[in-house]
Protein backbone atom coordinates (compact mmCIF):
# COMPACT_ATOMS: atom_id res chain seq x y z
CA UNK A 1 9.44 41.63 -5.07
CA UNK A 2 7.53 44.01 -6.98
CA UNK A 3 4.02 44.86 -6.81
CA UNK A 4 3.49 43.25 -10.36
CA UNK A 5 5.58 40.48 -9.76
CA UNK A 6 3.43 37.63 -9.48
CA UNK A 7 4.39 34.19 -7.44
CA UNK A 8 3.77 30.94 -8.97
CA UNK A 9 2.14 28.10 -7.74
CA UNK A 10 -1.40 27.03 -6.82
CA UNK A 11 -3.58 27.28 -3.65
CA UNK A 12 -2.42 29.23 -1.08
CA UNK A 13 0.64 30.53 -1.21
CA UNK A 14 2.48 32.25 1.89
CA UNK A 15 5.41 34.49 1.32
CA UNK A 16 7.17 37.49 3.33
CA UNK A 17 4.68 39.93 2.13
CA UNK A 18 1.24 37.99 3.09
CA UNK A 19 -0.18 34.99 0.93
CA UNK A 20 -0.74 34.54 -2.54
CA UNK A 21 -3.92 32.83 -3.96
CA UNK A 22 -4.38 31.10 -7.62
CA UNK A 23 -7.19 29.29 -8.64
CA UNK A 24 -8.56 27.59 -11.89
CA UNK A 25 -12.23 28.64 -12.55
CA UNK A 26 -12.23 29.13 -16.33
CA UNK A 27 -16.06 29.52 -16.34
CA UNK A 28 -16.53 31.86 -13.57
CA UNK A 29 -17.10 35.50 -14.41
CA UNK A 30 -15.40 36.90 -11.47
CA UNK A 31 -13.76 35.16 -8.12
CA UNK A 32 -12.80 36.64 -4.89
CA UNK A 33 -10.96 35.18 -1.87
CA UNK A 34 -12.82 35.50 1.38
CA UNK A 35 -11.65 34.57 4.73
CA UNK A 36 -10.62 35.43 8.35
CA UNK A 37 -8.59 38.09 7.09
CA UNK A 38 -11.02 40.10 5.33
CA UNK A 39 -14.24 39.33 7.69
CA UNK A 40 -15.45 37.12 4.71
CA UNK A 41 -16.00 39.94 2.51
CA UNK A 42 -16.46 39.52 -1.18
CA UNK A 43 -15.42 42.77 -1.83
CA UNK A 44 -12.41 42.81 -0.41
CA UNK A 45 -9.99 40.83 -2.54
CA UNK A 46 -11.34 40.21 -5.74
CA UNK A 47 -8.61 38.05 -8.11
CA UNK A 48 -7.27 39.10 -11.34
CA UNK A 49 -7.91 36.88 -14.17
CA UNK A 50 -4.86 35.28 -16.00
CA UNK A 51 -4.48 33.30 -18.74
CA UNK A 52 -6.37 29.90 -19.20
CA UNK A 53 -9.00 30.29 -16.75
CA UNK A 54 -6.71 30.99 -13.78
CA UNK A 55 -7.17 33.42 -11.20
CA UNK A 56 -5.05 35.28 -8.87
CA UNK A 57 -4.56 37.99 -5.61
CA UNK A 58 -1.95 38.51 -3.55
CA UNK A 59 -3.21 39.60 -0.03
CA UNK A 60 -1.01 41.46 2.22
CA UNK A 61 -3.29 41.13 5.29
CA UNK A 62 -3.55 37.05 4.99
CA UNK A 63 -1.10 34.94 7.05
CA UNK A 64 -0.33 31.40 8.00
CA UNK A 65 -3.63 29.98 10.24
CA UNK A 66 -6.10 31.89 8.50
CA UNK A 67 -9.37 30.58 7.24
CA UNK A 68 -10.44 30.86 3.74
CA UNK A 69 -12.40 30.11 0.41
CA UNK A 70 -13.09 31.26 -2.94
CA UNK A 71 -15.94 32.89 -3.95
CA UNK A 72 -16.98 32.54 -7.48
CA UNK A 73 -19.60 34.81 -9.41
CA UNK A 74 -21.04 32.30 -12.24
CA UNK A 75 -24.09 31.84 -14.60
CA UNK A 76 -25.37 29.71 -11.63
CA UNK A 77 -24.88 32.31 -9.07
CA UNK A 78 -22.50 32.69 -6.37
CA UNK A 79 -20.46 29.48 -5.39
CA UNK A 80 -18.62 29.45 -2.36
CA UNK A 81 -15.69 26.87 -2.79
CA UNK A 82 -12.53 25.17 -0.93
CA UNK A 83 -9.71 25.66 -2.59
CA UNK A 84 -8.81 22.39 -4.66
CA UNK A 85 -5.19 22.53 -3.65
CA UNK A 86 -5.83 23.19 0.22
CA UNK A 87 -2.94 21.94 2.16
CA UNK A 88 -5.34 21.80 5.49
CA UNK A 89 -9.09 22.35 5.84
CA UNK A 90 -10.99 22.66 9.34
CA UNK A 91 -13.10 19.76 7.86
CA UNK A 92 -14.47 18.11 4.46
CA UNK A 93 -17.07 20.69 4.21
CA UNK A 94 -15.36 23.62 6.28
CA UNK A 95 -12.90 25.90 5.29
CA UNK A 96 -9.56 25.58 4.03
CA UNK A 97 -6.62 27.04 6.23
CA UNK A 98 -3.52 28.64 4.89
CA UNK A 99 -1.04 25.92 5.59
CA UNK A 100 2.81 26.56 6.51
CA UNK A 101 4.66 24.11 4.73
CA UNK A 102 7.94 24.28 6.52
CA UNK A 103 8.89 21.68 8.72
CA UNK A 104 12.24 20.47 10.28
CA UNK A 105 12.86 17.19 9.36
CA UNK A 106 15.84 17.42 10.86
CA UNK A 107 18.41 16.38 8.02
CA UNK A 108 16.07 13.57 7.27
CA UNK A 109 17.85 11.57 4.45
CA UNK A 110 15.96 8.38 4.55
CA UNK A 111 16.32 5.87 1.87
CA UNK A 112 13.90 3.19 1.19
CA UNK A 113 15.51 -0.29 1.08
CA UNK A 114 15.90 -1.86 -2.29
CA UNK A 115 12.79 -3.49 -3.71
CA UNK A 116 14.22 -7.49 -3.30
CA UNK A 117 14.72 -6.52 0.49
CA UNK A 118 11.38 -4.78 0.80
CA UNK A 119 8.96 -6.26 3.53
CA UNK A 120 5.64 -4.35 3.66
CA UNK A 121 2.96 -3.84 6.75
CA UNK A 122 -0.50 -2.48 5.44
CA UNK A 123 -2.06 -0.55 7.95
CA UNK A 124 -5.25 1.87 8.58
CA UNK A 125 -4.41 4.75 10.84
CA UNK A 126 -7.79 5.16 12.12
CA UNK A 127 -8.04 1.55 13.46
CA UNK A 128 -4.41 0.69 14.28
CA UNK A 129 -4.22 1.93 17.73
CA UNK A 130 -7.72 3.31 18.32
CA UNK A 131 -8.63 6.02 21.10
CA UNK A 132 -11.22 3.17 22.39
CA UNK A 133 -12.21 4.98 25.38
CA UNK A 134 -12.86 8.07 23.59
CA UNK A 135 -14.47 6.27 20.68
CA UNK A 136 -12.35 8.28 18.27
CA UNK A 137 -10.31 6.76 15.26
CA UNK A 138 -6.58 6.74 15.88
CA UNK A 139 -4.30 9.53 15.61
CA UNK A 140 -0.70 9.76 13.78
CA UNK A 141 0.69 10.24 17.15
CA UNK A 142 -1.01 6.99 18.28
CA UNK A 143 0.24 4.98 15.46
CA UNK A 144 3.62 6.13 16.21
CA UNK A 145 3.44 4.56 19.26
CA UNK A 146 3.46 1.03 17.77
CA UNK A 147 6.23 1.70 15.69
CA UNK A 148 8.53 -0.30 18.41
CA UNK A 149 6.44 -3.24 17.62
CA UNK A 150 6.88 -2.78 13.95
CA UNK A 151 10.62 -2.64 14.15
CA UNK A 152 11.11 -5.40 16.22
CA UNK A 153 9.07 -7.54 13.87
CA UNK A 154 11.30 -6.85 11.24
CA UNK A 155 9.42 -5.24 8.67
CA UNK A 156 11.01 -2.02 6.90
CA UNK A 157 8.16 -0.19 4.98
CA UNK A 158 4.55 0.32 6.20
CA UNK A 159 1.72 0.92 3.39
CA UNK A 160 -0.79 3.10 4.90
CA UNK A 161 -4.46 3.46 3.35
CA UNK A 162 -5.01 6.89 2.12
CA UNK A 163 -4.91 9.76 4.49
CA UNK A 164 -6.61 12.34 2.28
CA UNK A 165 -9.36 14.22 3.82
CA UNK A 166 -12.28 11.97 3.39
CA UNK A 167 -16.12 12.59 4.54
CA UNK A 168 -16.59 12.14 8.26
CA UNK A 169 -14.05 10.94 10.98
CA UNK A 170 -14.08 7.16 10.00
CA UNK A 171 -13.60 5.69 6.35
CA UNK A 172 -11.03 3.36 4.75
CA UNK A 173 -9.86 6.58 3.07
CA UNK A 174 -11.01 5.40 -0.51
CA UNK A 175 -13.66 8.09 -0.79
CA UNK A 176 -11.36 11.56 -1.00
CA UNK A 177 -12.90 14.67 -0.64
CA UNK A 178 -9.72 16.97 -0.56
CA UNK A 179 -6.47 14.91 -1.96
CA UNK A 180 -4.23 18.02 -0.98
CA UNK A 181 -5.27 17.78 2.60
CA UNK A 182 -4.82 15.11 5.13
CA UNK A 183 -7.55 13.98 7.35
CA UNK A 184 -7.95 15.92 10.13
CA UNK A 185 -9.50 13.32 12.67
CA UNK A 186 -5.80 11.43 12.02
CA UNK A 187 -4.08 14.76 13.18
CA UNK A 188 -3.70 16.78 9.82
CA UNK A 189 -0.70 17.68 7.90
CA UNK A 190 1.95 18.49 10.63
CA UNK A 191 1.03 15.44 12.30
CA UNK A 192 1.58 13.43 9.19
CA UNK A 193 4.99 14.55 8.69
CA UNK A 194 6.08 13.93 12.31
CA UNK A 195 4.83 10.48 11.95
CA UNK A 196 7.02 9.59 8.74
CA UNK A 197 9.72 11.48 10.37
CA UNK A 198 9.52 9.06 13.41
CA UNK A 199 8.88 6.06 11.06
CA UNK A 200 12.28 7.08 9.44
CA UNK A 201 14.13 7.13 12.58
CA UNK A 202 12.93 3.96 13.23
CA UNK A 203 14.54 2.60 10.01
CA UNK A 204 10.80 2.25 8.54
CA UNK A 205 9.74 3.62 4.91
CA UNK A 206 6.47 5.01 4.45
CA UNK A 207 4.36 4.12 1.48
CA UNK A 208 1.21 5.96 0.85
CA UNK A 209 -2.09 5.02 -0.67
CA UNK A 210 -3.47 7.64 -3.19
CA UNK A 211 -6.71 7.34 -5.09
CA UNK A 212 -6.75 9.05 -8.51
CA UNK A 213 -9.27 6.63 -10.17
CA UNK A 214 -12.11 8.67 -8.72
CA UNK A 215 -13.02 11.60 -6.14
CA UNK A 216 -15.58 11.71 -3.44
CA UNK A 217 -18.11 11.03 -4.21
CA UNK A 218 -19.36 12.93 -1.06
CA UNK A 219 -18.23 16.11 0.49
CA UNK A 220 -16.77 17.11 -2.95
CA UNK A 221 -16.81 20.87 -3.86
CA UNK A 222 -14.56 20.02 -6.92
CA UNK A 223 -18.25 18.95 -8.31
CA UNK A 224 -19.28 21.46 -10.67
CA UNK A 225 -16.38 23.80 -9.24
CA UNK A 226 -17.09 26.82 -11.46
CA UNK A 227 -20.70 26.13 -12.29
CA UNK A 228 -20.06 24.64 -15.63
CA UNK A 229 -21.20 21.13 -16.37
CA UNK A 230 -22.72 18.83 -19.17
CA UNK A 231 -24.99 16.05 -19.06
CA UNK A 232 -25.41 17.09 -15.50
CA UNK A 233 -21.88 15.63 -14.74
CA UNK A 234 -19.25 16.98 -12.59
CA UNK A 235 -17.73 19.83 -14.49
CA UNK A 236 -14.40 20.79 -15.33
CA UNK A 237 -12.55 18.34 -13.06
CA UNK A 238 -14.47 15.44 -14.39
CA UNK A 239 -15.56 13.30 -17.37
CA UNK A 240 -18.86 14.76 -18.58
CA UNK A 241 -19.79 11.46 -20.58
CA UNK A 242 -19.77 7.92 -19.93
CA UNK A 243 -16.06 7.98 -19.12
CA UNK A 244 -17.30 9.62 -15.77
CA UNK A 245 -18.73 6.15 -14.55
CA UNK A 246 -16.69 4.03 -12.29
CA UNK A 247 -17.91 1.81 -9.54
CA UNK A 248 -17.44 4.38 -6.93
CA UNK A 249 -19.74 7.05 -8.36
CA UNK A 250 -19.69 9.47 -11.78
CA UNK A 251 -16.38 11.18 -10.49
CA UNK A 252 -13.70 10.04 -12.05
CA UNK A 253 -11.42 12.64 -13.18
CA UNK A 254 -10.64 13.96 -16.68
CA UNK A 255 -7.31 12.48 -17.41
CA UNK A 256 -7.41 14.47 -20.92
CA UNK A 257 -7.41 17.52 -19.82
CA UNK A 258 -4.09 19.42 -19.14
CA UNK A 259 -5.00 21.30 -15.79
CA UNK A 260 -6.59 17.86 -14.20
CA UNK A 261 -3.60 16.19 -15.16
CA UNK A 262 -1.28 18.90 -13.75
CA UNK A 263 -3.63 18.67 -10.41
CA UNK A 264 -3.08 15.04 -10.01
CA UNK A 265 0.69 14.91 -10.96
CA UNK A 266 1.04 17.97 -8.34
CA UNK A 267 -0.68 15.95 -5.56
CA UNK A 268 1.84 13.06 -6.09
CA UNK A 269 4.73 15.10 -6.18
CA UNK A 270 3.32 16.94 -2.95
CA UNK A 271 3.56 13.80 -0.78
CA UNK A 272 7.21 12.98 -2.28
CA UNK A 273 8.52 16.44 -2.00
CA UNK A 274 7.02 17.94 1.23
CA UNK A 275 6.02 14.82 2.99
CA UNK A 276 9.03 12.72 2.21
CA UNK A 277 6.94 9.60 1.50
CA UNK A 278 9.02 6.70 0.03
CA UNK A 279 6.24 5.26 -2.15
CA UNK A 280 2.97 5.53 -3.19
CA UNK A 281 0.75 2.69 -4.10
CA UNK A 282 -1.88 3.49 -6.86
CA UNK A 283 -5.66 2.31 -5.93
CA UNK A 284 -7.39 0.21 -8.79
CA UNK A 285 -5.15 1.66 -11.59
CA UNK A 286 -7.64 -0.54 -13.88
CA UNK A 287 -10.00 2.35 -13.66
CA UNK A 288 -7.49 4.72 -14.57
CA UNK A 289 -6.25 2.86 -17.67
CA UNK A 290 -9.63 1.72 -18.88
CA UNK A 291 -13.23 2.99 -18.53
CA UNK A 292 -14.74 -0.43 -17.62
CA UNK A 293 -12.31 -1.78 -15.56
CA UNK A 294 -11.57 -4.29 -18.34
CA UNK A 295 -11.04 -3.99 -22.08
CA UNK A 296 -12.57 -0.20 -22.95
CA UNK A 297 -9.16 1.18 -22.90
CA UNK A 298 -8.72 5.06 -21.70
CA UNK A 299 -5.29 5.89 -23.58
CA UNK A 300 -5.16 9.59 -21.80
CA UNK A 301 -5.38 7.11 -18.32
CA UNK A 302 -2.29 5.10 -19.30
CA UNK A 303 -0.60 8.11 -20.63
CA UNK A 304 -1.16 10.12 -17.41
CA UNK A 305 0.52 6.97 -15.39
CA UNK A 306 3.37 7.11 -17.65
CA UNK A 307 3.93 10.87 -17.13
CA UNK A 308 3.73 10.53 -13.55
CA UNK A 309 5.96 7.27 -12.87
CA UNK A 310 8.45 8.87 -15.19
CA UNK A 311 8.71 12.11 -13.34
CA UNK A 312 8.95 10.09 -9.99
CA UNK A 313 11.77 8.35 -11.23
CA UNK A 314 13.39 11.08 -12.64
CA UNK A 315 13.12 13.57 -9.83
CA UNK A 316 12.93 10.82 -7.09
CA UNK A 317 14.98 7.85 -7.71
CA UNK A 318 14.94 5.34 -5.40
CA UNK A 319 11.38 5.97 -4.40
CA UNK A 320 8.72 3.04 -5.31
CA UNK A 321 5.22 3.39 -7.09
CA UNK A 322 2.91 0.32 -7.06
CA UNK A 323 0.11 -0.68 -8.85
CA UNK A 324 -3.20 -2.57 -7.78
CA UNK A 325 -4.54 -3.63 -10.52
CA UNK A 326 -4.85 -7.35 -10.55
CA UNK A 327 -5.82 -7.54 -13.78
CA UNK A 328 -2.49 -9.78 -14.34
CA UNK A 329 -1.34 -6.92 -17.33
CA UNK A 330 2.67 -7.17 -17.28
CA UNK A 331 2.99 -4.02 -18.96
CA UNK A 332 2.00 -1.98 -15.80
CA UNK A 333 5.87 -2.59 -14.73
CA UNK A 334 7.47 -2.67 -17.95
CA UNK A 335 9.56 0.46 -18.25
CA UNK A 336 8.17 3.78 -20.01
CA UNK A 337 10.57 3.92 -22.55
CA UNK A 338 9.34 0.31 -23.60
CA UNK A 339 5.84 1.39 -23.59
CA UNK A 340 4.97 0.29 -19.93
CA UNK A 341 3.20 2.48 -17.35
CA UNK A 342 6.73 2.51 -15.29
CA UNK A 343 5.24 1.15 -12.08
CA UNK A 344 7.81 -0.55 -9.81
CA UNK A 345 5.71 -3.35 -8.60
CA UNK A 346 2.20 -4.11 -8.51
CA UNK A 347 -0.10 -6.56 -6.26
CA UNK A 348 -0.30 -9.97 -7.50
CA UNK A 349 -3.84 -11.32 -7.90
CA UNK A 350 -1.64 -14.51 -9.39
CA UNK A 351 -0.20 -15.20 -5.84
CA UNK A 352 -3.01 -14.35 -3.03
CA UNK A 353 -6.12 -16.09 -4.74
CA UNK A 354 -4.05 -19.85 -5.29
CA UNK A 355 -2.21 -19.38 -1.82
CA UNK A 356 -5.36 -18.46 0.27
CA UNK A 357 -7.46 -21.38 -1.53
CA UNK A 358 -5.01 -23.60 -0.56
CA UNK A 359 -5.02 -23.17 3.13
CA UNK A 360 -8.56 -22.31 4.00
CA UNK A 361 -9.83 -25.28 1.75
CA UNK A 362 -11.21 -27.76 4.41
CA UNK A 363 -10.36 -30.99 2.80
CA UNK A 364 -6.61 -31.72 1.88
CA UNK A 365 -7.46 -33.94 -0.87
CA UNK A 366 -8.73 -31.00 -2.86
CA UNK A 367 -5.65 -28.64 -2.13
CA UNK A 368 -3.56 -28.15 -5.53
CA UNK A 369 -0.36 -28.05 -5.15
CA UNK A 370 0.33 -27.27 -8.92
CA UNK A 371 -2.03 -24.22 -8.13
CA UNK A 372 1.10 -23.30 -5.56
CA UNK A 373 3.68 -23.98 -7.67
CA UNK A 374 2.33 -21.50 -10.34
CA UNK A 375 1.73 -18.75 -7.68
CA UNK A 376 5.22 -19.50 -6.33
CA UNK A 377 6.72 -19.38 -9.83
CA UNK A 378 4.68 -16.64 -11.45
CA UNK A 379 6.36 -13.34 -12.64
CA UNK A 380 4.94 -10.63 -14.64
CA UNK A 381 8.58 -9.42 -16.27
CA UNK A 382 12.16 -10.22 -15.95
CA UNK A 383 11.93 -8.98 -12.39
CA UNK A 384 10.79 -11.23 -9.84
CA UNK A 385 10.41 -8.36 -7.51
CA UNK A 386 7.84 -6.59 -9.54
CA UNK A 387 4.93 -8.22 -7.61
CA UNK A 388 4.00 -7.70 -4.11
CA UNK A 389 2.68 -10.82 -2.65
CA UNK A 390 0.29 -11.57 0.26
CA UNK A 391 -2.31 -13.45 1.96
CA UNK A 392 -4.00 -10.70 3.76
CA UNK A 393 -4.78 -7.08 2.56
CA UNK A 394 -7.57 -4.69 3.52
CA UNK A 395 -9.60 -6.01 0.42
CA UNK A 396 -8.97 -9.76 0.91
CA UNK A 397 -10.31 -9.41 4.78
CA UNK A 398 -13.46 -7.53 4.15
CA UNK A 399 -16.40 -6.99 1.31
CA UNK A 400 -17.36 -10.57 2.27
CA UNK A 401 -14.37 -12.04 3.01
CA UNK A 402 -12.21 -12.45 6.43
CA UNK A 403 -9.25 -12.80 7.70
CA UNK A 404 -7.62 -16.01 6.79
CA UNK A 405 -7.90 -17.79 10.41
CA UNK A 406 -11.37 -16.89 10.45
CA UNK A 407 -11.73 -18.46 6.58
CA UNK A 408 -9.95 -21.66 7.66
CA UNK A 409 -12.12 -22.20 10.71
CA UNK A 410 -15.09 -19.60 11.28
CA UNK A 411 -16.18 -21.67 14.42
CA UNK A 412 -12.68 -21.67 15.88
CA UNK A 413 -10.45 -18.99 14.27
CA UNK A 414 -7.72 -19.35 17.02
CA UNK A 415 -7.46 -22.99 17.03
CA UNK A 416 -4.80 -25.19 15.79
CA UNK A 417 -5.87 -25.65 12.13
CA UNK A 418 -6.26 -21.81 11.67
CA UNK A 419 -3.08 -21.20 13.29
CA UNK A 420 -1.11 -23.96 11.46
CA UNK A 421 -2.71 -23.21 8.03
CA UNK A 422 -2.48 -19.65 8.10
CA UNK A 423 1.04 -19.53 9.18
CA UNK A 424 1.59 -21.87 6.42
CA UNK A 425 0.34 -19.05 4.04
CA UNK A 426 2.45 -16.61 5.74
CA UNK A 427 5.39 -18.57 5.15
CA UNK A 428 4.56 -19.30 1.25
CA UNK A 429 4.53 -15.19 1.49
CA UNK A 430 7.93 -14.83 2.91
CA UNK A 431 9.80 -17.61 1.11
CA UNK A 432 8.25 -17.08 -2.59
CA UNK A 433 10.28 -14.79 -5.12
CA UNK A 434 8.19 -10.84 -5.06
CA UNK A 435 7.69 -8.14 -2.18
CA UNK A 436 6.09 -9.45 0.53
CA UNK A 437 2.91 -7.75 2.57
CA UNK A 438 1.24 -8.35 5.46
CA UNK A 439 -1.97 -6.58 6.77
CA UNK A 440 -2.10 -5.33 10.11
CA UNK A 441 -2.47 -7.55 13.06
CA UNK A 442 -1.92 -10.83 10.89
CA UNK A 443 0.97 -11.38 12.98
CA UNK A 444 -1.07 -12.15 15.89
CA UNK A 445 -3.99 -13.65 14.20
CA UNK A 446 -6.40 -10.85 14.33
CA UNK A 447 -10.09 -12.44 13.72
CA UNK A 448 -13.27 -11.34 11.75
CA UNK A 449 -13.07 -9.06 8.75
CA UNK A 450 -11.52 -5.55 8.43
CA UNK A 451 -13.84 -2.43 9.38
CA UNK A 452 -13.04 0.98 9.91
CA UNK A 453 -14.95 0.99 12.88
CA UNK A 454 -13.05 -2.10 14.87
CA UNK A 455 -9.53 -1.67 16.09
CA UNK A 456 -6.97 -3.82 16.26
CA UNK A 457 -7.08 -6.49 19.33
CA UNK A 458 -3.59 -5.32 20.66
CA UNK A 459 -4.27 -7.85 23.47
CA UNK A 460 -3.90 -10.63 20.97
CA UNK A 461 -0.33 -9.37 20.30
CA UNK A 462 0.55 -10.94 23.78
CA UNK A 463 -1.76 -13.89 23.54
CA UNK A 464 -0.25 -14.86 20.33
CA UNK A 465 3.39 -13.62 21.27
CA UNK A 466 4.63 -16.95 20.07
CA UNK A 467 2.93 -16.69 16.75
CA UNK A 468 4.43 -13.16 16.45
CA UNK A 469 7.82 -14.56 17.36
CA UNK A 470 7.13 -17.01 14.22
CA UNK A 471 6.58 -13.73 11.67
CA UNK A 472 9.86 -12.32 12.95
CA UNK A 473 11.83 -15.26 12.18
CA UNK A 474 10.58 -15.51 9.14
CA UNK A 475 11.07 -12.01 8.27
CA UNK A 476 14.62 -12.29 9.23
CA UNK A 477 15.34 -15.04 6.99
CA UNK A 478 13.64 -13.17 4.36
CA UNK A 479 16.11 -10.29 4.70
CA UNK A 480 19.24 -12.87 5.45
CA UNK A 481 19.72 -11.28 8.84
CA UNK A 482 22.21 -13.81 9.99
CA UNK A 483 23.84 -14.14 6.66
CA UNK A 484 22.78 -17.99 5.49
CA UNK A 485 19.77 -17.01 3.74
CA UNK A 486 20.72 -14.51 1.05
CA UNK A 487 18.66 -16.76 -1.66
CA UNK A 488 15.40 -15.61 -0.11
CA UNK A 489 16.05 -12.34 -1.49
CA UNK A 490 17.06 -13.46 -4.75
CA UNK A 491 15.59 -13.53 -8.45
CA UNK A 492 15.42 -17.49 -8.79
CA UNK A 493 13.14 -20.19 -7.91
CA UNK A 494 13.14 -23.81 -8.96
CA UNK A 495 9.87 -26.02 -7.64
CA UNK A 496 11.84 -29.33 -7.43
CA UNK A 497 9.27 -31.65 -6.01
CA UNK A 498 5.91 -31.62 -6.16
CA UNK A 499 3.61 -35.03 -4.63
CA UNK A 500 -0.15 -34.13 -5.07
CA UNK A 501 -1.12 -37.38 -3.31
CA UNK A 502 0.87 -36.76 -0.01
CA UNK A 503 0.59 -32.71 -0.37
CA UNK A 504 4.54 -32.03 -0.18
CA UNK A 505 5.88 -29.10 -2.11
CA UNK A 506 9.64 -28.24 -2.42
CA UNK A 507 11.39 -25.37 -3.98
CA UNK A 508 14.96 -23.65 -4.41
CA UNK A 509 15.32 -20.48 -3.94
CA UNK A 510 18.72 -18.78 -4.60
CA UNK A 511 20.77 -15.60 -5.89
CA UNK A 512 23.91 -16.25 -6.91
CA UNK A 513 24.25 -19.74 -5.38
CA UNK A 514 26.31 -21.42 -2.89
CA UNK A 515 26.67 -21.64 0.73
CA UNK A 516 24.79 -18.70 2.32
CA UNK A 517 22.84 -18.39 -0.52
CA UNK A 518 20.97 -21.64 -1.72
CA UNK A 519 18.02 -22.19 0.31
CA UNK A 520 15.36 -25.23 0.17
CA UNK A 521 11.99 -24.47 1.46
CA UNK A 522 9.60 -27.59 2.07
CA UNK A 523 5.82 -27.36 2.83
CA UNK A 524 3.42 -29.98 3.90
CA UNK A 525 -0.18 -29.16 2.96
CA UNK A 526 -1.26 -32.24 4.97
CA UNK A 527 -2.78 -32.98 8.22
CA UNK A 528 -0.30 -35.93 9.05
CA UNK A 529 3.74 -35.64 9.54
CA UNK A 530 5.76 -36.85 6.59
CA UNK A 531 8.72 -39.03 7.97
CA UNK A 532 11.82 -40.09 6.27
CA UNK A 533 10.65 -38.19 3.25
CA UNK A 534 13.06 -37.98 0.30
CA UNK A 535 13.78 -34.80 -1.52
CA UNK A 536 16.39 -33.58 -4.08
CA UNK A 537 19.26 -30.70 -2.90
CA UNK A 538 21.53 -28.92 -4.72
CA UNK A 539 24.66 -29.50 -3.35
CA UNK A 540 25.95 -32.45 -0.88
CA UNK A 541 26.91 -32.01 2.66
CA UNK A 542 24.81 -30.93 5.64
CA UNK A 543 21.90 -28.61 5.28
CA UNK A 544 21.38 -26.87 8.30
CA UNK A 545 17.45 -26.34 9.71
CA UNK A 546 16.90 -22.41 9.81
CA UNK A 547 12.90 -22.69 10.41
CA UNK A 548 10.23 -25.15 11.54
CA UNK A 549 7.00 -23.95 11.84
CA UNK A 550 6.05 -26.71 13.82
CA UNK A 551 8.13 -25.86 16.85
CA UNK A 552 6.39 -25.61 19.87
CA UNK A 553 8.03 -22.39 20.97
CA UNK A 554 5.52 -20.49 18.43
CA UNK A 555 2.51 -22.25 20.29
CA UNK A 556 2.10 -24.57 23.04
CA UNK A 557 -0.07 -27.29 21.19
CA UNK A 558 2.35 -27.21 17.86
CA UNK A 559 3.82 -30.74 18.17
CA UNK A 560 7.23 -29.68 18.10
CA UNK A 561 7.79 -32.19 15.09
CA UNK A 562 11.50 -33.38 15.53
CA UNK A 563 12.75 -31.94 12.00
CA UNK A 564 16.67 -31.62 12.15
CA UNK A 565 19.46 -30.71 10.40
CA UNK A 566 20.02 -33.24 7.11
CA UNK A 567 22.87 -34.72 5.34
CA UNK A 568 22.77 -34.58 1.55
CA UNK A 569 24.33 -37.66 -0.20
CA UNK A 570 25.09 -37.85 -4.22
CA UNK A 571 22.09 -39.42 -5.93
CA UNK A 572 19.97 -37.61 -8.74
CA UNK A 573 16.88 -36.81 -7.39
CA UNK A 574 14.13 -34.14 -8.14
CA UNK A 575 16.49 -33.26 -10.96
CA UNK A 576 19.08 -32.38 -8.37
CA UNK A 577 22.23 -33.80 -8.02
CA UNK A 578 21.88 -34.87 -4.31
CA UNK A 579 18.96 -36.18 -2.23
CA UNK A 580 18.57 -36.19 1.53
CA UNK A 581 15.66 -37.81 3.93
CA UNK A 582 13.55 -35.21 6.19
CA UNK A 583 10.80 -35.30 8.35
CA UNK A 584 8.25 -32.51 8.76
CA UNK A 585 5.01 -31.78 11.01
CA UNK A 586 1.51 -31.54 9.69
CA UNK A 587 0.59 -28.15 7.94
CA UNK A 588 4.14 -27.12 8.41
CA UNK A 589 7.15 -25.76 6.54
CA UNK A 590 10.86 -26.35 7.34
CA UNK A 591 13.88 -24.33 5.78
CA UNK A 592 17.00 -25.40 5.16
CA UNK A 593 20.52 -23.65 4.12
CA UNK A 594 24.36 -24.56 4.30
């Protein structure tokens, strides 16, 4: 390499002859790179101005592991700044570290399951397997120790709450200070790569939550980065007018500025390229595509989402991007070519709210089965799997809401009603069309509400091992492990029976139809069993009972209601050609197939 040949890229770029550095600071008069390699001397390594406000230096003395910062000379005086592209930092208010992106993936070529065969488990690194004795947040390695549990449970994807470096050691992660760096309290960048590699070895995909609707707002070196700003706002990385405002601070990135768009796009590609993550879940996209979260549109935000999703689809076919928007906007999951934002799927408010309400409502008479029907059948576009469905997520079990068992019975969240009705909700999640998701600890009735300081109570995993088995059985049926419930992965759903007085709903799920494919799900949302109950079936013959949530093996005080296989006979019922009589326990679900 000649002395005049410049290295491409942003931030610190290690190479055979040292480390090259590049930063964008269009309003700086001069920039230097300072660090452990030059005793933090601002005169040793001045950076050279490039076009469009970029600055560059190639430092032969610098090496991987060195700490560094950029020293900017501005009209506001000298400013010391952490590299916006820093792959590693000592802390959110410390120094950047020259990071070695090389990692031995040992031929990792993991492929995420197709959308209709995904089962997602959302978790928070800091509380999932906490170092309780040390009062420290969990580390990637301690979470890895629980991957065996997740594999046995049957989930094939974990969605982890944001891991970009944030202020302090404990956080939900939605306050990113440095989006290119991995939270040091969790173990930092290399530990995250080891975690992803280990998950892949267990057959589990990793979907990462990313936050681009705002940054910070605390410990944010990007704020007035090179000294310039307007209206007392954030400077070059942010809007400097009313578009800056979000519910989390006035730190919305300027989606109309090319360098900022590139910054966010580069971050997306980094997670997919360097960390091998299998997908990204974009937080609160309604505050990217609109100014106010509802109707004041922000066209450059929408355009940014289209650009990123189009690039991900081209460069990383098979990876999934998910929007959390919750405004029932079907354009989010339409193709970019059709004018959509290009997401593969989106979190579905049209499912979670009716299903939660159905199980937490105390009086049976007040449950709306019509609302359950609508939740089961809702779809955004032509693909039933362009929605993620759940009864618990980090948002749904905090901010004034609690875990479903706690909402059902605050006085006895481990009691019969809480167990029966929360598992009723889970059965709806795993039998409805959509990508099912559960939140950490849901499979063993984790109580209270989510906090980033309270670890998951793993003792309950043993106490409620029967409930864990219930979730495992539902997931096995969902993924057709035994070859006779293919319809649960299919596009098609028909609610065939709905009885508001007796609170019974039945629906038919199928992919191509026929034996091994057709599935009939019957749910009793009533406190008493239903005996000799007639519903329609698609075809005659024996329908085998594959699942009964009232089985005593799931909990000692479940009533083991004698639901059995049924024989369907010709005779039009519920709009289907055949019928059968069945029996179902209180607050229970039974699943049949041929």
